[in-house]
N, C-alpha and C. Protein backbone atom coordinates (compact mmCIF):
# COMPACT_ATOMS: atom_id res chain seq x y z
N MET A 1 31.29 -19.62 18.86
CA MET A 1 30.61 -18.71 17.94
C MET A 1 31.58 -18.38 16.82
N SER A 2 31.09 -18.45 15.60
CA SER A 2 31.95 -18.13 14.46
C SER A 2 32.24 -16.64 14.44
N SER A 3 33.32 -16.28 13.75
CA SER A 3 33.66 -14.86 13.69
C SER A 3 32.59 -14.08 12.93
N LEU A 4 31.93 -14.72 11.95
CA LEU A 4 30.86 -14.04 11.22
C LEU A 4 29.69 -13.76 12.14
N ALA A 5 29.31 -14.75 12.96
CA ALA A 5 28.20 -14.54 13.89
C ALA A 5 28.57 -13.48 14.92
N ARG A 6 29.83 -13.50 15.40
CA ARG A 6 30.29 -12.52 16.37
C ARG A 6 30.23 -11.12 15.75
N ASP A 7 30.69 -10.98 14.49
CA ASP A 7 30.66 -9.68 13.83
C ASP A 7 29.23 -9.21 13.58
N ALA A 8 28.34 -10.13 13.20
CA ALA A 8 26.95 -9.76 12.91
C ALA A 8 26.21 -9.35 14.16
N SER A 9 26.64 -9.87 15.34
CA SER A 9 25.92 -9.54 16.56
C SER A 9 26.27 -8.15 17.08
N ARG A 10 27.36 -7.56 16.62
CA ARG A 10 27.71 -6.19 17.02
C ARG A 10 26.82 -5.22 16.27
N SER A 11 26.51 -4.11 16.88
CA SER A 11 25.69 -3.12 16.18
C SER A 11 26.55 -1.92 15.83
N ALA A 12 26.23 -1.34 14.70
CA ALA A 12 26.93 -0.14 14.25
C ALA A 12 26.20 1.08 14.78
N PRO A 13 26.92 2.18 14.96
CA PRO A 13 26.25 3.41 15.37
C PRO A 13 25.23 3.83 14.32
N ILE A 14 24.21 4.54 14.75
CA ILE A 14 23.19 5.01 13.81
C ILE A 14 23.88 5.83 12.74
N GLY A 15 23.58 5.49 11.50
CA GLY A 15 24.20 6.18 10.37
C GLY A 15 25.61 5.71 10.12
N GLY A 16 26.04 4.70 10.88
CA GLY A 16 27.40 4.20 10.74
C GLY A 16 27.59 3.39 9.48
N ASP A 17 28.81 3.11 9.17
CA ASP A 17 29.17 2.36 7.99
C ASP A 17 29.05 0.88 8.28
N LYS A 18 28.39 0.13 7.39
CA LYS A 18 28.22 -1.31 7.58
C LYS A 18 29.56 -2.03 7.63
N SER A 19 30.60 -1.44 7.04
CA SER A 19 31.89 -2.10 7.05
C SER A 19 32.44 -2.19 8.48
N GLU A 20 31.92 -1.37 9.40
CA GLU A 20 32.32 -1.48 10.80
C GLU A 20 31.86 -2.81 11.38
N ILE A 21 30.74 -3.31 10.92
CA ILE A 21 30.21 -4.58 11.40
C ILE A 21 30.93 -5.73 10.70
N LEU A 22 31.06 -5.68 9.41
CA LEU A 22 31.60 -6.79 8.65
C LEU A 22 33.11 -6.76 8.54
N GLY A 23 33.76 -5.72 9.01
CA GLY A 23 35.20 -5.63 8.90
C GLY A 23 35.62 -5.54 7.44
N GLN A 24 36.68 -6.20 7.10
CA GLN A 24 37.20 -6.13 5.75
C GLN A 24 36.81 -7.35 4.92
N ARG A 25 35.72 -7.97 5.21
CA ARG A 25 35.29 -9.17 4.49
C ARG A 25 34.91 -8.82 3.05
N ASN A 26 35.19 -9.74 2.16
CA ASN A 26 34.72 -9.62 0.78
C ASN A 26 33.36 -10.28 0.72
N VAL A 27 32.37 -9.55 0.29
CA VAL A 27 31.01 -10.07 0.21
C VAL A 27 30.64 -10.18 -1.26
N ARG A 28 30.17 -11.33 -1.66
CA ARG A 28 29.79 -11.55 -3.04
C ARG A 28 28.28 -11.77 -3.10
N LEU A 29 27.60 -10.94 -3.84
CA LEU A 29 26.16 -11.08 -4.01
C LEU A 29 25.89 -11.88 -5.28
N VAL A 30 25.05 -12.87 -5.15
CA VAL A 30 24.73 -13.71 -6.30
C VAL A 30 23.23 -13.60 -6.53
N ALA A 31 22.85 -13.30 -7.76
CA ALA A 31 21.44 -13.20 -8.10
C ALA A 31 21.13 -14.21 -9.20
N SER A 32 19.99 -14.81 -9.09
CA SER A 32 19.58 -15.71 -10.16
C SER A 32 18.64 -14.95 -11.09
N SER A 33 18.59 -15.37 -12.30
CA SER A 33 17.71 -14.70 -13.25
C SER A 33 16.43 -15.51 -13.41
N PHE A 34 15.39 -14.84 -13.81
CA PHE A 34 14.12 -15.52 -14.06
C PHE A 34 13.38 -14.76 -15.14
N SER A 35 12.40 -15.39 -15.71
CA SER A 35 11.58 -14.71 -16.69
C SER A 35 10.12 -15.00 -16.39
N LEU A 36 9.29 -14.06 -16.74
CA LEU A 36 7.85 -14.21 -16.54
C LEU A 36 7.20 -14.39 -17.90
N THR A 37 6.35 -15.36 -17.97
CA THR A 37 5.60 -15.59 -19.19
C THR A 37 4.13 -15.36 -18.88
N ARG A 38 3.55 -14.44 -19.57
CA ARG A 38 2.14 -14.14 -19.35
C ARG A 38 1.32 -15.14 -20.14
N VAL A 39 0.58 -15.95 -19.41
CA VAL A 39 -0.19 -17.00 -20.05
C VAL A 39 -1.61 -16.52 -20.35
N GLU A 40 -2.23 -15.90 -19.36
CA GLU A 40 -3.61 -15.42 -19.53
C GLU A 40 -3.68 -13.97 -19.09
N PRO A 41 -4.59 -13.20 -19.66
CA PRO A 41 -4.77 -11.83 -19.19
C PRO A 41 -5.28 -11.84 -17.74
N ALA A 42 -4.87 -10.83 -16.98
CA ALA A 42 -5.32 -10.73 -15.59
C ALA A 42 -6.82 -10.52 -15.55
N SER A 43 -7.46 -11.17 -14.60
CA SER A 43 -8.90 -11.02 -14.43
C SER A 43 -9.22 -11.28 -12.96
N TYR A 44 -9.68 -10.23 -12.26
CA TYR A 44 -10.04 -10.40 -10.86
C TYR A 44 -10.99 -9.30 -10.44
N GLN A 45 -11.57 -9.48 -9.27
CA GLN A 45 -12.35 -8.43 -8.63
C GLN A 45 -12.30 -8.66 -7.13
N PHE A 46 -12.33 -7.57 -6.37
CA PHE A 46 -12.36 -7.68 -4.92
C PHE A 46 -13.06 -6.46 -4.36
N SER A 47 -13.49 -6.58 -3.12
CA SER A 47 -14.06 -5.43 -2.42
C SER A 47 -14.00 -5.70 -0.92
N TYR A 48 -13.95 -4.62 -0.16
CA TYR A 48 -14.06 -4.71 1.30
C TYR A 48 -14.61 -3.40 1.82
N LYS A 49 -15.19 -3.46 2.99
CA LYS A 49 -15.74 -2.27 3.64
C LYS A 49 -15.60 -2.45 5.14
N VAL A 50 -15.19 -1.40 5.82
CA VAL A 50 -15.08 -1.40 7.27
C VAL A 50 -15.96 -0.27 7.78
N GLU A 51 -16.88 -0.62 8.66
CA GLU A 51 -17.78 0.37 9.23
C GLU A 51 -17.91 0.08 10.72
N ASP A 52 -17.46 1.02 11.55
CA ASP A 52 -17.50 0.86 13.00
C ASP A 52 -17.91 2.21 13.59
N ALA A 53 -19.19 2.33 13.92
CA ALA A 53 -19.73 3.60 14.41
C ALA A 53 -19.05 4.03 15.71
N GLU A 54 -18.78 3.09 16.58
CA GLU A 54 -18.17 3.43 17.87
C GLU A 54 -16.77 4.03 17.69
N ALA A 55 -16.01 3.48 16.77
CA ALA A 55 -14.65 3.97 16.52
C ALA A 55 -14.62 5.12 15.51
N GLY A 56 -15.76 5.40 14.86
CA GLY A 56 -15.81 6.47 13.86
C GLY A 56 -15.15 6.10 12.55
N LEU A 57 -15.20 4.81 12.20
CA LEU A 57 -14.56 4.34 10.98
C LEU A 57 -15.57 4.00 9.91
N ASN A 58 -15.28 4.40 8.70
CA ASN A 58 -16.08 4.02 7.55
C ASN A 58 -15.20 4.19 6.32
N PHE A 59 -14.69 3.08 5.78
CA PHE A 59 -13.86 3.13 4.59
C PHE A 59 -13.98 1.83 3.83
N GLY A 60 -13.60 1.86 2.55
CA GLY A 60 -13.70 0.66 1.74
C GLY A 60 -13.01 0.83 0.40
N HIS A 61 -12.97 -0.27 -0.32
CA HIS A 61 -12.29 -0.29 -1.62
C HIS A 61 -12.89 -1.42 -2.44
N GLU A 62 -13.08 -1.16 -3.71
CA GLU A 62 -13.48 -2.22 -4.64
C GLU A 62 -12.74 -2.01 -5.95
N GLU A 63 -12.39 -3.12 -6.59
CA GLU A 63 -11.64 -3.03 -7.84
C GLU A 63 -11.95 -4.24 -8.70
N ALA A 64 -11.94 -4.02 -10.00
CA ALA A 64 -12.11 -5.10 -10.97
C ALA A 64 -11.06 -4.90 -12.06
N ARG A 65 -10.51 -6.00 -12.53
CA ARG A 65 -9.51 -5.91 -13.60
C ARG A 65 -9.79 -6.94 -14.66
N GLU A 66 -9.69 -6.48 -15.89
CA GLU A 66 -9.76 -7.35 -17.07
C GLU A 66 -8.61 -6.96 -17.97
N GLY A 67 -7.69 -7.85 -18.18
CA GLY A 67 -6.54 -7.55 -19.04
C GLY A 67 -5.68 -6.45 -18.46
N ASP A 68 -5.43 -5.44 -19.27
CA ASP A 68 -4.54 -4.35 -18.87
C ASP A 68 -5.27 -3.18 -18.21
N GLU A 69 -6.55 -3.32 -17.92
CA GLU A 69 -7.30 -2.20 -17.34
C GLU A 69 -7.95 -2.60 -16.02
N ALA A 70 -7.69 -1.79 -15.00
CA ALA A 70 -8.33 -1.96 -13.70
C ALA A 70 -9.19 -0.74 -13.44
N THR A 71 -10.37 -0.96 -12.91
CA THR A 71 -11.25 0.14 -12.52
C THR A 71 -11.66 -0.08 -11.08
N GLY A 72 -11.89 1.00 -10.37
CA GLY A 72 -12.28 0.83 -8.99
C GLY A 72 -12.63 2.12 -8.31
N GLU A 73 -12.87 1.97 -7.01
CA GLU A 73 -13.24 3.11 -6.19
C GLU A 73 -12.85 2.80 -4.76
N TYR A 74 -12.35 3.81 -4.06
CA TYR A 74 -12.15 3.67 -2.63
C TYR A 74 -12.66 4.93 -1.95
N PHE A 75 -13.00 4.80 -0.68
CA PHE A 75 -13.54 5.93 0.06
C PHE A 75 -13.11 5.85 1.51
N VAL A 76 -13.12 7.00 2.16
CA VAL A 76 -12.81 7.06 3.59
C VAL A 76 -13.55 8.24 4.21
N LEU A 77 -14.10 8.00 5.38
CA LEU A 77 -14.77 9.06 6.13
C LEU A 77 -13.69 9.92 6.79
N LEU A 78 -13.73 11.20 6.53
CA LEU A 78 -12.74 12.12 7.08
C LEU A 78 -13.18 12.65 8.44
N PRO A 79 -12.23 13.13 9.25
CA PRO A 79 -12.58 13.63 10.59
C PRO A 79 -13.60 14.76 10.59
N ASP A 80 -13.67 15.55 9.52
CA ASP A 80 -14.63 16.65 9.48
C ASP A 80 -16.02 16.20 9.04
N GLY A 81 -16.21 14.89 8.83
CA GLY A 81 -17.52 14.37 8.47
C GLY A 81 -17.72 14.17 6.98
N ARG A 82 -16.88 14.74 6.15
CA ARG A 82 -17.00 14.52 4.72
C ARG A 82 -16.45 13.14 4.37
N THR A 83 -16.84 12.63 3.20
CA THR A 83 -16.30 11.38 2.70
C THR A 83 -15.46 11.69 1.47
N LEU A 84 -14.22 11.24 1.49
CA LEU A 84 -13.34 11.34 0.34
C LEU A 84 -13.58 10.10 -0.50
N ARG A 85 -13.88 10.29 -1.78
CA ARG A 85 -14.16 9.18 -2.68
C ARG A 85 -13.27 9.32 -3.92
N VAL A 86 -12.55 8.26 -4.26
CA VAL A 86 -11.69 8.26 -5.44
C VAL A 86 -12.16 7.15 -6.36
N THR A 87 -12.57 7.52 -7.55
CA THR A 87 -12.94 6.56 -8.59
C THR A 87 -11.81 6.61 -9.61
N TYR A 88 -11.35 5.45 -10.06
CA TYR A 88 -10.18 5.45 -10.92
C TYR A 88 -10.23 4.40 -12.02
N VAL A 89 -9.40 4.66 -13.02
CA VAL A 89 -9.08 3.72 -14.09
C VAL A 89 -7.57 3.66 -14.14
N ALA A 90 -7.02 2.48 -14.18
CA ALA A 90 -5.57 2.30 -14.33
C ALA A 90 -5.35 1.37 -15.52
N ASN A 91 -4.61 1.88 -16.50
CA ASN A 91 -4.36 1.09 -17.71
C ASN A 91 -3.03 1.51 -18.32
N ASN A 92 -2.82 1.22 -19.56
CA ASN A 92 -1.56 1.57 -20.21
C ASN A 92 -1.33 3.08 -20.29
N ASP A 93 -2.37 3.86 -20.09
CA ASP A 93 -2.24 5.32 -20.09
C ASP A 93 -1.91 5.86 -18.70
N GLY A 94 -1.81 4.98 -17.70
CA GLY A 94 -1.48 5.41 -16.34
C GLY A 94 -2.67 5.32 -15.41
N TYR A 95 -2.49 5.89 -14.22
CA TYR A 95 -3.52 5.94 -13.18
C TYR A 95 -4.30 7.23 -13.34
N GLN A 96 -5.62 7.12 -13.52
CA GLN A 96 -6.46 8.27 -13.79
C GLN A 96 -7.55 8.38 -12.73
N PRO A 97 -7.27 9.09 -11.64
CA PRO A 97 -8.26 9.20 -10.56
C PRO A 97 -9.22 10.36 -10.77
N GLU A 98 -10.41 10.20 -10.24
CA GLU A 98 -11.37 11.29 -10.15
C GLU A 98 -11.72 11.40 -8.67
N ILE A 99 -11.38 12.52 -8.05
CA ILE A 99 -11.50 12.68 -6.60
C ILE A 99 -12.68 13.59 -6.28
N THR A 100 -13.54 13.13 -5.38
CA THR A 100 -14.67 13.93 -4.94
C THR A 100 -14.77 13.90 -3.42
N TYR A 101 -15.42 14.92 -2.88
CA TYR A 101 -15.70 15.01 -1.45
C TYR A 101 -17.20 15.11 -1.29
N GLU A 102 -17.76 14.27 -0.44
CA GLU A 102 -19.19 14.28 -0.20
C GLU A 102 -19.45 14.88 1.17
N GLU A 103 -20.40 15.80 1.23
CA GLU A 103 -20.76 16.41 2.50
C GLU A 103 -21.56 15.41 3.35
N PRO A 104 -21.53 15.56 4.67
CA PRO A 104 -22.30 14.65 5.54
C PRO A 104 -23.79 14.75 5.23
N LYS A 105 -24.48 13.63 5.28
CA LYS A 105 -25.90 13.59 4.96
C LYS A 105 -26.75 14.28 6.01
N ASN A 106 -26.32 14.23 7.28
CA ASN A 106 -27.12 14.80 8.38
C ASN A 106 -26.58 16.14 8.85
N GLY A 107 -25.85 16.82 8.02
CA GLY A 107 -25.26 18.09 8.44
C GLY A 107 -23.93 17.89 9.13
N GLY A 108 -23.81 16.81 9.87
CA GLY A 108 -22.54 16.45 10.50
C GLY A 108 -22.14 17.37 11.63
N ASN A 109 -21.24 16.86 12.46
CA ASN A 109 -20.72 17.65 13.55
C ASN A 109 -19.20 17.63 13.60
N GLY A 110 -18.57 17.08 12.56
CA GLY A 110 -17.12 17.05 12.50
C GLY A 110 -16.48 15.94 13.32
N ASN A 111 -17.28 15.03 13.85
CA ASN A 111 -16.73 13.95 14.67
C ASN A 111 -16.44 12.69 13.87
N GLY A 112 -16.54 12.75 12.59
CA GLY A 112 -16.10 11.62 11.77
C GLY A 112 -17.19 10.68 11.33
N TYR A 113 -18.03 10.16 12.17
CA TYR A 113 -18.98 9.14 11.76
C TYR A 113 -20.41 9.64 11.83
N TYR A 114 -21.20 9.36 10.77
CA TYR A 114 -22.61 9.81 10.74
C TYR A 114 -23.50 8.70 10.30
């Protein structure tokens, strides 16, 4: 076993100094550079929904993006029976959510799924 493998196999105490593992080795980090070229504006859409009455789950998300602006909505059924719904726009001005809570349609009993 190489000394590096032997040193790496030892564990340091929680919150310990990594130099306890590596000893006095000189470590050189090398990073390569890259550049991104934007060829076409972003354009996509997706959606999903999970609904499982037995497990009390009901949540989903949908989003569409054209260029620098994404719009969407996500929701989740809360344990008290209400649904949290977030409708949003994300663009060069930032993330702009609108948050609403919907009451249960059947009056609800606080068990999550209706």
